[in-house]
Amino acid sequence: MINGQNTRCNWWKVICLTTLFLFMTIGGLLASRFLVDEPVYYADDEDHFKYGSLGGEREAGFPYWIWKALPRVCAAQLPEGQRSPGQEYKALGFVYEGEKPLPIGMSMRRYTGVDRVFLNCASCHASTVRETPASEPRIYTGMPAHRLNLMAFERFLFDCAKSATFTPDLIVPAIQELGGNLSYFDQFVVYPVAVHLMRARLVALDQRLSFMLNKGPEREWGPGRVDTWAFGKALLNFRMDLAPEREHIGVADFPSIWLQKPRQGMQLHWDGNNTSVEERNRSAAFGTGATPPTLDRVAMKRLEDWLLRREPPAYPFLVDTNLAAKGAPIYKQYCSRCHGVSGRNFDGELVGTVLPIGEIKTDRHKLDSYTGELAVNQNLLYAGTNDPTERFSHFRKTNGYANMPLDGIWLRAPYLHNGSVPTLRDLLEPRSKRPTKFYRGYDVYDQQRVGFVSTVSEERGQQFFLFDTTDGKGHSQPGNGHDGHEGARYGTELSDADKAALVEYLKTF
């Protein structure tokens, strides 16, 4: 009897231990799959800038294979042109480098069991230049992403999520056709759940941003531009349906981001609302989905250190040195006080300071969209951190736009804070002689006028964006006005010969 009891007891021990072992094994396997948080690592600093994670994928990221499959299942929502196999996001202005699986400005991170992708800094600060339509594009990091149509990208995702094709039944087979090689567990559990979660999140975000994205063609950002403050206010739960209309229009060009060390202490952003480079960087990371709890601080520090010393690229085309020499004293007289001695020497009485809107008289909507209330909320973003040095404290409301150094100015077209003037030569004309309409998104360079060719409407089926500075009634389009920065002090009354010399000299910056 005792032996029988012992036998039964031993069997129960075996069963319990086996069950425990199975649970621990399964738990370990699930933990090794779903508790991993690991970015793709790049040894080269420039590659890290182009493809490295800042942590935004943790909260805002898309599963890579779903993101990869969307242009296939939602082809009807993509704009026409440049639908290269495997590089379909070219149609939205993203730049691909060789055969790399992600465009520049998209990063990858292994998180919650899947490879997630999302935007990083390079999405807005890297693009291409061609000498002629037949030339191979040259990639320049740190320049404004003048081809990227961020609004079109967002609208594609939202329209796709709302379509009948955004279902596991269509997306999972598309992933397999693209080489996803999903396991049965991924096919029938992980990715169906991920599709439903992604769809719900995109639909909710679409509703939150509808005030900005559904205002008609006159309110399109176009390539190379973004409305950061309206977007930020929406994500901070501002009641934009109750906000005055002036707060809905704050679109501006992407800036360049070279030589950050000598910019320490300057009034940064277009409207000069912050004097801390580090705070500016972390607030910009917010636009990539990196919130205070998810920000990868190690990766961010590496990026910041690289940008402190990053030089702007030299002008790659011929420069008439004799003509440029004639332009040097003209620049010194008319430009150096506000923009610095040269493209590398930022000394100047007013460099990095805000010029009141009443003096510069450029389109004021970007300035007005940033409010004191938003500044207060931005300063509270890191209020809960245990490290008081991380807390924002420099954001504030200003009354104008900041005088920026002109390093790499040849790559920063179109000009003015809202990108309303296509070339430097056009900027030296009074408002009445500046183009009222021009095309954006073309990367062939205009060496004579210094900027990108803006008279070409399409190339190989790709339609470029027609930018209109007017409302059709002779008045400036709110947010798009090309007014200001004109008069004797700004060089618009110079002779044609002097203007040509000044433009030639600016090529050397």
Protein backbone atom coordinates (compact mmCIF):
# COMPACT_ATOMS: atom_id res chain seq x y z
CA MET A 1 0.00 0.00 0.00
CA ILE A 2 2.76 2.34 0.92
CA ASN A 3 4.65 1.44 -2.23
CA GLY A 4 1.51 2.21 -4.31
CA GLN A 5 1.12 5.56 -2.62
CA ASN A 6 4.76 6.38 -3.20
CA THR A 7 4.43 5.41 -6.86
CA ARG A 8 1.37 7.65 -7.32
CA CYS A 9 3.17 10.48 -5.49
CA ASN A 10 6.23 10.09 -7.69
CA TRP A 11 4.07 10.20 -10.80
CA TRP A 12 2.42 13.39 -9.61
CA LYS A 13 5.87 14.89 -8.99
CA VAL A 14 6.93 13.95 -12.50
CA ILE A 15 3.75 15.44 -13.96
CA CYS A 16 4.12 18.64 -11.93
CA LEU A 17 7.80 19.04 -12.74
CA THR A 18 7.16 18.33 -16.42
CA THR A 19 4.32 20.87 -16.51
CA LEU A 20 6.47 23.41 -14.71
CA PHE A 21 9.30 22.75 -17.15
CA LEU A 22 7.00 23.19 -20.13
CA PHE A 23 5.58 26.42 -18.72
CA MET A 24 9.07 27.74 -18.04
CA THR A 25 10.26 26.72 -21.50
CA ILE A 26 7.28 28.31 -23.25
CA GLY A 27 7.55 31.35 -21.00
CA GLY A 28 11.24 31.64 -21.79
CA LEU A 29 10.61 31.36 -25.51
CA LEU A 30 7.86 33.97 -25.38
CA ALA A 31 10.03 36.26 -23.25
CA SER A 32 12.96 35.89 -25.64
CA ARG A 33 10.60 36.86 -28.48
CA PHE A 34 8.35 39.51 -26.98
CA LEU A 35 10.50 41.18 -24.30
CA VAL A 36 13.42 42.06 -26.57
CA ASP A 37 14.16 45.75 -27.12
CA GLU A 38 17.01 46.01 -29.58
CA PRO A 39 17.72 48.61 -32.31
CA VAL A 40 19.61 47.81 -35.47
CA TYR A 41 23.17 49.00 -34.84
CA TYR A 42 25.30 51.00 -37.28
CA ALA A 43 29.01 51.47 -36.70
CA ASP A 44 29.27 54.48 -39.01
CA ASP A 45 27.91 57.75 -37.56
CA GLU A 46 26.39 58.88 -40.85
CA ASP A 47 24.64 55.53 -41.30
CA HIS A 48 23.38 55.87 -37.73
CA PHE A 49 21.96 59.27 -38.66
CA LYS A 50 20.31 57.88 -41.77
CA TYR A 51 18.93 54.63 -40.32
CA GLY A 52 19.49 54.57 -36.54
CA SER A 53 16.68 54.37 -33.99
CA LEU A 54 15.87 57.11 -31.48
CA GLY A 55 13.28 54.95 -29.73
CA GLY A 56 10.18 56.19 -31.54
CA GLU A 57 9.43 52.71 -32.87
CA ARG A 58 8.50 51.55 -29.36
CA GLU A 59 5.32 53.59 -29.36
CA ALA A 60 4.75 54.89 -32.87
CA GLY A 61 6.45 52.22 -34.97
CA PHE A 62 4.85 50.02 -37.61
CA PRO A 63 5.68 46.32 -37.92
CA TYR A 64 8.18 46.26 -40.75
CA TRP A 65 6.42 43.69 -42.88
CA ILE A 66 3.07 45.46 -42.59
CA TRP A 67 4.72 48.74 -43.56
CA LYS A 68 6.41 46.95 -46.46
CA ALA A 69 3.14 45.44 -47.67
CA LEU A 70 0.98 48.58 -47.52
CA PRO A 71 1.98 50.02 -50.94
CA ARG A 72 0.95 46.70 -52.45
CA VAL A 73 -2.43 46.30 -50.73
CA CYS A 74 -3.19 50.04 -50.87
CA ALA A 75 -1.72 50.91 -54.27
CA ALA A 76 -4.80 52.97 -55.09
CA GLN A 77 -3.97 55.37 -52.23
CA LEU A 78 -0.43 56.09 -53.50
CA PRO A 79 0.23 59.02 -55.83
CA GLU A 80 1.25 58.18 -59.35
CA GLY A 81 4.87 58.07 -60.39
CA GLN A 82 8.09 56.34 -59.35
CA ARG A 83 6.47 53.14 -58.12
CA SER A 84 9.74 51.24 -58.17
CA PRO A 85 9.35 47.59 -57.05
CA GLY A 86 10.42 47.39 -53.42
CA GLN A 87 10.84 51.17 -53.25
CA GLU A 88 7.22 52.29 -53.58
CA TYR A 89 7.58 54.99 -50.95
CA LYS A 90 9.61 56.96 -53.53
CA ALA A 91 6.23 58.20 -54.74
CA LEU A 92 5.94 60.12 -51.44
CA GLY A 93 9.39 61.67 -51.68
CA PHE A 94 11.38 59.18 -49.63
CA VAL A 95 14.97 58.64 -50.77
CA TYR A 96 16.41 55.14 -51.18
CA GLU A 97 20.10 54.35 -51.12
CA GLY A 98 21.08 51.48 -53.37
CA GLU A 99 19.27 48.26 -52.51
CA LYS A 100 18.78 48.99 -48.81
CA PRO A 101 15.40 47.72 -47.56
CA LEU A 102 14.47 51.00 -45.86
CA PRO A 103 14.56 54.52 -47.27
CA ILE A 104 16.79 57.10 -45.63
CA GLY A 105 15.06 58.41 -42.54
CA MET A 106 13.41 55.11 -41.56
CA SER A 107 14.86 53.18 -38.63
CA MET A 108 14.24 49.67 -37.32
CA ARG A 109 13.98 48.32 -33.79
CA ARG A 110 13.09 44.85 -32.51
CA TYR A 111 10.34 45.47 -29.97
CA THR A 112 7.38 43.45 -28.59
CA GLY A 113 8.19 40.52 -30.81
CA VAL A 114 8.41 42.18 -34.21
CA ASP A 115 10.74 44.42 -36.17
CA ARG A 116 9.22 47.89 -35.99
CA VAL A 117 10.05 50.85 -38.23
CA PHE A 118 9.42 54.55 -38.01
CA LEU A 119 10.85 57.93 -38.95
CA ASN A 120 14.10 59.31 -37.58
CA CYS A 121 15.83 62.68 -37.99
CA ALA A 122 17.12 61.95 -41.49
CA SER A 123 13.59 61.68 -42.89
CA CYS A 124 13.38 65.49 -42.67
CA HIS A 125 17.09 66.27 -43.00
CA ALA A 126 18.50 64.39 -45.97
CA SER A 127 17.78 64.52 -49.69
CA THR A 128 19.27 64.47 -53.17
CA VAL A 129 20.70 66.79 -55.80
CA ARG A 130 21.19 66.18 -59.54
CA GLU A 131 23.25 68.30 -61.90
CA THR A 132 21.06 67.41 -64.88
CA PRO A 133 17.99 65.20 -65.45
CA ALA A 134 20.37 62.49 -66.71
CA SER A 135 22.69 62.66 -63.67
CA GLU A 136 22.73 60.19 -60.80
CA PRO A 137 21.36 61.76 -57.62
CA ARG A 138 23.84 62.72 -54.90
CA ILE A 139 22.66 62.17 -51.33
CA TYR A 140 23.39 64.94 -48.83
CA THR A 141 22.76 64.44 -45.13
CA GLY A 142 21.82 67.41 -42.98
CA MET A 143 20.07 69.31 -45.78
CA PRO A 144 16.29 69.86 -45.77
CA ALA A 145 14.35 66.91 -47.19
CA HIS A 146 12.94 69.04 -49.99
CA ARG A 147 11.42 66.02 -51.79
CA LEU A 148 9.60 64.41 -48.83
CA ASN A 149 5.85 65.03 -48.82
CA LEU A 150 5.10 64.30 -45.17
CA MET A 151 1.43 65.24 -45.43
CA ALA A 152 1.00 62.87 -48.38
CA PHE A 153 2.72 60.11 -46.36
CA GLU A 154 0.37 60.63 -43.43
CA ARG A 155 -2.67 60.78 -45.69
CA PHE A 156 -1.59 57.56 -47.45
CA LEU A 157 -1.39 55.73 -44.12
CA PHE A 158 -4.72 57.08 -42.91
CA ASP A 159 -6.55 56.43 -46.18
CA CYS A 160 -5.07 52.95 -46.34
CA ALA A 161 -6.18 52.18 -42.77
CA LYS A 162 -9.74 53.28 -43.58
CA SER A 163 -9.91 51.22 -46.79
CA ALA A 164 -11.45 47.78 -47.22
CA THR A 165 -8.02 46.36 -48.11
CA PHE A 166 -6.49 46.98 -44.68
CA THR A 167 -7.24 43.49 -43.36
CA PRO A 168 -5.15 40.48 -42.25
CA ASP A 169 -6.68 38.45 -45.08
CA LEU A 170 -4.96 40.69 -47.64
CA ILE A 171 -1.93 41.99 -45.73
CA VAL A 172 -0.58 38.65 -44.45
CA PRO A 173 -0.55 36.99 -47.92
CA ALA A 174 1.10 40.13 -49.33
CA ILE A 175 3.80 39.84 -46.67
CA GLN A 176 4.46 36.23 -47.65
CA GLU A 177 4.65 37.17 -51.33
CA LEU A 178 7.23 39.84 -50.45
CA GLY A 179 9.42 37.24 -48.73
CA GLY A 180 8.26 37.68 -45.12
CA ASN A 181 8.43 33.90 -44.46
CA LEU A 182 6.14 34.24 -41.45
CA SER A 183 5.73 31.25 -39.15
CA TYR A 184 2.25 29.79 -38.57
CA PHE A 185 2.19 31.54 -35.20
CA ASP A 186 2.96 34.88 -36.86
CA GLN A 187 0.52 34.28 -39.74
CA PHE A 188 -2.46 33.39 -37.59
CA VAL A 189 -1.79 35.16 -34.30
CA VAL A 190 0.87 37.90 -34.21
CA TYR A 191 0.27 39.71 -37.49
CA PRO A 192 -3.55 39.57 -37.53
CA VAL A 193 -3.49 41.17 -34.08
CA ALA A 194 -0.87 43.69 -35.23
CA VAL A 195 -2.96 44.65 -38.29
CA HIS A 196 -6.04 45.33 -36.16
CA LEU A 197 -4.05 47.33 -33.59
CA MET A 198 -2.31 49.36 -36.28
CA ARG A 199 -5.58 50.09 -38.05
CA ALA A 200 -7.25 51.27 -34.83
CA ARG A 201 -4.31 53.53 -34.00
CA LEU A 202 -4.17 55.09 -37.47
CA VAL A 203 -7.91 55.74 -37.58
CA ALA A 204 -7.76 57.41 -34.15
CA LEU A 205 -4.79 59.54 -35.19
CA ASP A 206 -6.55 60.51 -38.41
CA GLN A 207 -9.49 61.82 -36.41
CA ARG A 208 -7.18 63.82 -34.16
CA LEU A 209 -5.36 65.41 -37.11
CA SER A 210 -8.33 65.93 -39.41
CA PHE A 211 -8.36 69.67 -38.64
CA MET A 212 -4.97 69.91 -40.32
CA LEU A 213 -5.13 67.33 -43.11
CA ASN A 214 -8.58 67.96 -44.56
CA LYS A 215 -8.60 71.70 -45.27
CA GLY A 216 -8.49 71.55 -49.05
CA PRO A 217 -5.71 72.00 -51.64
CA GLU A 218 -4.84 75.53 -50.55
CA ARG A 219 -3.67 74.15 -47.20
CA GLU A 220 -1.48 71.37 -48.57
CA TRP A 221 2.01 71.42 -47.16
CA GLY A 222 3.66 70.03 -50.25
CA PRO A 223 7.15 68.48 -50.22
CA GLY A 224 9.82 69.80 -47.88
CA ARG A 225 7.39 71.37 -45.37
CA VAL A 226 5.63 70.50 -42.10
CA ASP A 227 3.38 72.16 -39.55
CA THR A 228 5.14 71.09 -36.38
CA TRP A 229 3.25 73.26 -33.93
CA ALA A 230 -0.25 72.30 -35.07
CA PHE A 231 0.82 68.65 -35.05
CA GLY A 232 2.37 69.01 -31.59
CA LYS A 233 -0.68 70.70 -30.14
CA ALA A 234 -2.89 67.90 -31.44
CA LEU A 235 -0.67 65.26 -29.82
CA LEU A 236 -0.70 67.26 -26.56
CA ASN A 237 -4.52 67.09 -26.63
CA PHE A 238 -5.20 70.75 -27.38
CA ARG A 239 -8.81 71.32 -28.42
CA MET A 240 -7.96 72.36 -31.97
CA ASP A 241 -11.65 72.50 -32.87
CA LEU A 242 -11.89 75.41 -30.41
CA ALA A 243 -8.57 77.06 -31.31
CA PRO A 244 -8.63 80.20 -33.48
CA GLU A 245 -7.86 79.69 -37.15
CA ARG A 246 -4.47 81.42 -36.87
CA GLU A 247 -3.26 78.51 -34.71
CA HIS A 248 -4.07 76.06 -37.49
CA ILE A 249 -1.56 77.52 -39.96
CA GLY A 250 2.07 77.15 -38.99
CA VAL A 251 3.65 75.37 -41.94
CA ALA A 252 7.37 75.86 -42.53
CA ASP A 253 10.26 74.36 -44.45
CA PHE A 254 12.47 71.68 -42.97
CA PRO A 255 15.72 73.39 -41.85
CA SER A 256 19.30 72.26 -42.32
CA ILE A 257 21.08 70.91 -39.22
CA TRP A 258 24.84 71.36 -39.75
CA LEU A 259 27.30 72.93 -37.31
CA GLN A 260 25.22 72.78 -34.17
CA LYS A 261 28.05 73.57 -31.73
CA PRO A 262 28.45 77.23 -32.76
CA ARG A 263 24.66 77.57 -32.57
CA GLN A 264 24.65 76.96 -28.82
CA GLY A 265 22.90 79.91 -27.20
CA MET A 266 21.35 81.20 -30.42
CA GLN A 267 17.60 81.60 -30.72
CA LEU A 268 16.70 78.39 -32.51
CA HIS A 269 13.78 77.20 -34.62
CA TRP A 270 12.44 79.56 -37.26
CA ASP A 271 10.83 81.78 -34.63
CA GLY A 272 13.69 81.53 -32.15
CA ASN A 273 11.59 79.94 -29.41
CA ASN A 274 14.46 78.01 -27.76
CA THR A 275 18.13 78.72 -27.05
CA SER A 276 19.19 75.19 -26.11
CA VAL A 277 20.47 72.92 -28.89
CA GLU A 278 19.93 69.85 -26.68
CA GLU A 279 16.32 70.79 -25.92
CA ARG A 280 15.70 71.58 -29.57
CA ASN A 281 17.01 68.13 -30.52
CA ARG A 282 14.85 66.28 -28.00
CA SER A 283 11.76 68.24 -28.99
CA ALA A 284 12.48 67.37 -32.63
CA ALA A 285 12.76 63.70 -31.63
CA PHE A 286 9.20 64.03 -30.36
CA GLY A 287 8.21 64.35 -34.02
CA THR A 288 9.76 60.93 -34.68
CA GLY A 289 7.57 59.31 -32.03
CA ALA A 290 10.24 59.39 -29.31
CA THR A 291 8.46 60.47 -26.12
CA PRO A 292 10.21 60.95 -22.74
CA PRO A 293 9.58 57.31 -21.67
CA THR A 294 10.68 55.84 -25.02
CA LEU A 295 13.57 58.10 -26.07
CA ASP A 296 16.80 56.15 -26.59
CA ARG A 297 19.12 58.55 -24.79
CA VAL A 298 22.34 56.74 -25.76
CA ALA A 299 21.46 56.89 -29.45
CA MET A 300 20.33 60.49 -29.09
CA LYS A 301 23.63 61.50 -27.49
CA ARG A 302 25.58 59.86 -30.29
CA LEU A 303 23.53 61.74 -32.88
CA GLU A 304 23.92 65.05 -31.06
CA ASP A 305 27.70 64.68 -30.81
CA TRP A 306 27.90 64.01 -34.54
CA LEU A 307 25.77 67.03 -35.45
CA LEU A 308 27.83 69.35 -33.26
CA ARG A 309 30.74 69.03 -35.65
CA ARG A 310 29.00 68.11 -38.90
CA GLU A 311 30.14 70.38 -41.73
CA PRO A 312 27.86 71.47 -44.57
CA PRO A 313 28.87 70.09 -47.98
CA ALA A 314 30.76 72.34 -50.34
CA TYR A 315 29.05 73.60 -53.48
CA PRO A 316 29.81 70.85 -56.04
CA PHE A 317 29.55 72.86 -59.25
CA LEU A 318 31.74 75.51 -60.82
CA VAL A 319 32.07 78.87 -59.08
CA ASP A 320 33.12 82.00 -60.90
CA THR A 321 35.80 83.05 -58.40
CA ASN A 322 36.23 86.53 -59.88
CA LEU A 323 32.51 87.22 -59.69
CA ALA A 324 32.34 85.73 -56.18
CA ALA A 325 35.16 88.07 -55.10
CA LYS A 326 33.03 91.02 -56.23
CA GLY A 327 30.15 89.68 -54.17
CA ALA A 328 32.14 89.43 -50.92
CA PRO A 329 32.02 93.14 -49.98
CA ILE A 330 28.35 93.30 -51.02
CA TYR A 331 27.59 90.47 -48.62
CA LYS A 332 29.56 92.18 -45.87
CA GLN A 333 27.56 95.37 -46.30
CA TYR A 334 24.08 93.93 -46.63
CA CYS A 335 24.06 90.48 -45.01
CA SER A 336 26.84 89.87 -42.45
CA ARG A 337 25.25 91.81 -39.59
CA CYS A 338 22.31 89.39 -39.49
CA HIS A 339 23.79 86.19 -40.95
CA GLY A 340 27.47 86.10 -39.98
CA VAL A 341 30.84 86.89 -41.50
CA SER A 342 30.82 83.76 -43.67
CA GLY A 343 29.44 80.25 -43.96
CA ARG A 344 31.81 79.09 -41.22
CA ASN A 345 32.19 82.26 -39.14
CA PHE A 346 28.90 83.13 -37.45
CA ASP A 347 30.08 86.38 -35.87
CA GLY A 348 27.61 89.19 -36.40
CA GLU A 349 25.71 91.67 -34.26
CA LEU A 350 22.27 90.14 -34.90
CA VAL A 351 23.14 86.53 -35.76
CA GLY A 352 20.99 84.08 -33.85
CA THR A 353 18.60 86.72 -32.56
CA VAL A 354 14.94 87.26 -33.35
CA LEU A 355 14.10 90.07 -35.74
CA PRO A 356 10.63 91.48 -34.95
CA ILE A 357 7.94 90.63 -37.45
CA GLY A 358 7.29 94.35 -37.95
CA GLU A 359 10.80 94.69 -39.38
CA ILE A 360 11.22 91.58 -41.49
CA LYS A 361 7.54 91.54 -42.61
CA THR A 362 7.53 87.94 -43.82
CA ASP A 363 4.47 85.68 -43.54
CA ARG A 364 3.56 85.71 -39.85
CA HIS A 365 1.42 82.58 -39.60
CA LYS A 366 4.23 80.31 -38.40
CA LEU A 367 4.97 82.84 -35.64
CA ASP A 368 1.31 83.20 -34.63
CA SER A 369 0.68 79.45 -34.54
CA TYR A 370 3.17 79.10 -31.68
CA THR A 371 1.50 80.31 -28.49
CA GLY A 372 2.55 80.94 -24.93
CA GLU A 373 0.29 78.10 -23.85
CA LEU A 374 2.17 75.69 -26.12
CA ALA A 375 5.49 76.88 -24.70
CA VAL A 376 4.26 76.11 -21.17
CA ASN A 377 3.16 72.62 -22.21
CA GLN A 378 6.44 71.90 -23.97
CA ASN A 379 8.37 72.88 -20.86
CA LEU A 380 6.33 70.31 -18.95
CA LEU A 381 7.11 67.38 -21.27
CA TYR A 382 9.95 66.08 -19.08
CA ALA A 383 8.56 67.38 -15.79
CA GLY A 384 8.15 63.85 -14.41
CA THR A 385 11.74 62.76 -14.96
CA ASN A 386 13.95 61.94 -12.02
CA ASP A 387 16.78 63.90 -13.62
CA PRO A 388 16.08 67.64 -13.29
CA THR A 389 18.71 68.41 -15.96
CA GLU A 390 16.46 66.76 -18.54
CA ARG A 391 13.53 69.07 -17.91
CA PHE A 392 12.73 71.60 -20.61
CA SER A 393 13.06 75.20 -19.49
CA HIS A 394 13.92 77.26 -22.58
CA PHE A 395 10.76 77.30 -24.68
CA ARG A 396 9.05 80.66 -24.89
CA LYS A 397 6.96 82.83 -27.19
CA THR A 398 8.75 85.35 -29.43
CA ASN A 399 7.69 88.25 -31.64
CA GLY A 400 9.45 87.47 -34.92
CA TYR A 401 11.83 85.17 -36.80
CA ALA A 402 15.44 84.34 -36.01
CA ASN A 403 18.40 85.47 -38.12
CA MET A 404 20.06 82.23 -39.17
CA PRO A 405 23.69 81.60 -40.17
CA LEU A 406 23.96 80.73 -43.86
CA ASP A 407 26.20 77.65 -43.80
CA GLY A 408 25.38 75.47 -46.80
CA ILE A 409 22.84 78.03 -47.99
CA TRP A 410 23.03 76.63 -51.54
CA LEU A 411 21.28 73.45 -50.32
CA ARG A 412 18.55 75.16 -48.30
CA ALA A 413 16.19 76.13 -51.12
CA PRO A 414 13.41 77.14 -51.36
CA TYR A 415 13.94 80.18 -49.15
CA LEU A 416 12.31 82.10 -46.30
CA HIS A 417 10.98 80.15 -43.36
CA ASN A 418 7.99 78.87 -45.32
CA GLY A 419 9.87 78.01 -48.52
CA SER A 420 7.92 80.55 -50.55
CA VAL A 421 10.81 81.80 -52.72
CA PRO A 422 12.41 79.21 -55.04
CA THR A 423 15.96 80.60 -55.46
CA LEU A 424 18.44 83.01 -53.91
CA ARG A 425 18.23 85.17 -57.00
CA ASP A 426 14.47 85.43 -56.57
CA LEU A 427 14.95 86.36 -52.91
CA LEU A 428 16.91 89.42 -54.02
CA GLU A 429 13.86 90.70 -55.87
CA PRO A 430 11.00 92.63 -54.28
CA ARG A 431 7.75 90.78 -53.70
CA SER A 432 6.24 92.08 -56.92
CA LYS A 433 8.92 90.31 -58.99
CA ARG A 434 9.09 87.02 -57.07
CA PRO A 435 7.36 83.98 -58.61
CA THR A 436 3.81 83.59 -57.31
CA LYS A 437 3.65 79.95 -58.39
CA PHE A 438 6.41 77.38 -58.79
CA TYR A 439 6.96 73.63 -58.56
CA ARG A 440 8.53 71.91 -55.54
CA GLY A 441 10.02 68.43 -55.19
CA TYR A 442 12.38 68.37 -58.20
CA ASP A 443 16.04 67.70 -57.36
CA VAL A 444 17.76 69.05 -60.50
CA TYR A 445 19.81 72.07 -59.48
CA ASP A 446 19.58 75.57 -60.93
CA GLN A 447 23.21 76.68 -60.84
CA GLN A 448 22.54 80.14 -62.17
CA ARG A 449 19.81 81.21 -59.75
CA VAL A 450 20.92 78.92 -56.87
CA GLY A 451 18.09 76.68 -55.85
CA PHE A 452 16.23 73.77 -57.39
CA VAL A 453 14.66 73.98 -60.83
CA SER A 454 11.12 75.13 -60.14
CA THR A 455 9.57 75.39 -63.61
CA VAL A 456 9.28 71.64 -64.34
CA SER A 457 5.89 70.08 -63.58
CA GLU A 458 6.68 66.37 -64.00
CA GLU A 459 9.41 63.84 -64.81
CA ARG A 460 8.86 60.27 -65.97
CA GLY A 461 5.29 60.27 -64.72
CA GLN A 462 6.03 61.84 -61.35
CA GLN A 463 4.01 65.00 -60.80
CA PHE A 464 5.67 67.77 -58.82
CA PHE A 465 3.81 69.97 -56.38
CA LEU A 466 2.56 73.35 -57.58
CA PHE A 467 3.21 75.80 -54.76
CA ASP A 468 0.94 78.86 -54.81
CA THR A 469 1.81 81.92 -52.74
CA THR A 470 -1.52 83.65 -53.46
CA ASP A 471 -5.16 83.05 -52.67
CA GLY A 472 -6.27 83.70 -56.24
CA LYS A 473 -7.52 87.18 -55.38
CA GLY A 474 -4.19 88.98 -55.37
CA HIS A 475 -3.56 88.43 -51.66
CA SER A 476 -1.00 86.17 -49.98
CA GLN A 477 -2.15 82.64 -49.21
CA PRO A 478 -2.06 82.31 -45.38
CA GLY A 479 1.13 80.49 -44.48
CA ASN A 480 2.48 80.67 -48.06
CA GLY A 481 3.12 84.38 -48.45
CA HIS A 482 6.40 85.41 -50.08
CA ASP A 483 6.34 88.91 -48.60
CA GLY A 484 9.07 90.58 -46.62
CA HIS A 485 12.85 90.46 -46.46
CA GLU A 486 12.86 93.27 -49.04
CA GLY A 487 13.99 96.86 -49.39
CA ALA A 488 17.38 98.56 -49.43
CA ARG A 489 18.68 96.86 -46.26
CA TYR A 490 17.94 93.41 -47.73
CA GLY A 491 19.59 93.99 -51.12
CA THR A 492 16.48 93.95 -53.28
CA GLU A 493 17.38 97.38 -54.68
CA LEU A 494 20.85 96.36 -55.83
CA SER A 495 21.73 96.38 -59.51
CA ASP A 496 21.41 93.13 -61.47
CA ALA A 497 25.21 92.91 -61.65
CA ASP A 498 25.59 93.25 -57.88
CA LYS A 499 22.85 90.68 -57.27
CA ALA A 500 24.62 88.22 -59.58
CA ALA A 501 27.90 88.77 -57.71
CA LEU A 502 26.25 88.30 -54.32
CA VAL A 503 24.59 85.05 -55.39
CA GLU A 504 27.91 83.76 -56.74
CA TYR A 505 29.61 84.54 -53.42
CA LEU A 506 26.90 82.70 -51.47
CA LYS A 507 27.76 79.54 -53.40
CA THR A 508 31.00 79.43 -51.37
CA PHE A 509 29.18 79.16 -48.01
